[in-house]
Amino acid sequence: MKTINKRMYDYPAGGYCGVIMPESVMKKLAKLNCKYSEEVRKVLDDNKDDLYPSLWTLANRMDGEKIAKQVTIKYVTTPRDVENIDRRISLFKAASPEYVETVYIVESYDEAKEIAESILLDIAE
């Protein structure tokens, strides 16, 4: 198995995409994220009368031991929880690149899947 022999970081951009980058690029993004987070918090704070805390719940239908169907919904409650909004604004930060201990170099998804299965077997033993 080939791996990248330097510190690498994963920068997610949603559930199905993102990029992996070396530490030098991550440091540049970290500075941008800091500035971006401050600006976003200001916009949110200036418009907090229009905001609600984002809440979610889910419901499952089981088929024996397995989940057969699942539904997730987003919701808000009334009256609005203003203290919760203030706390959420203060906690906001842009997604940061996350350190990845090992990045494998592969030719295909199937090869990556084989590596994952091999690691899973090693862990299970």
Foldseek 3Di string as FASTA:
>chain_A
DDWDPAWKWWFDDDDPDTDIGGPVVLVVVVVVQVVVLVVQLVVCVVVVVPDADKDKDKDFDDDVPHTPDMDMDIDGDPPGDSVVSNVVSVPDTDGGIGIDPIDHDDDDPVVVVVVVVVVVVVVVD
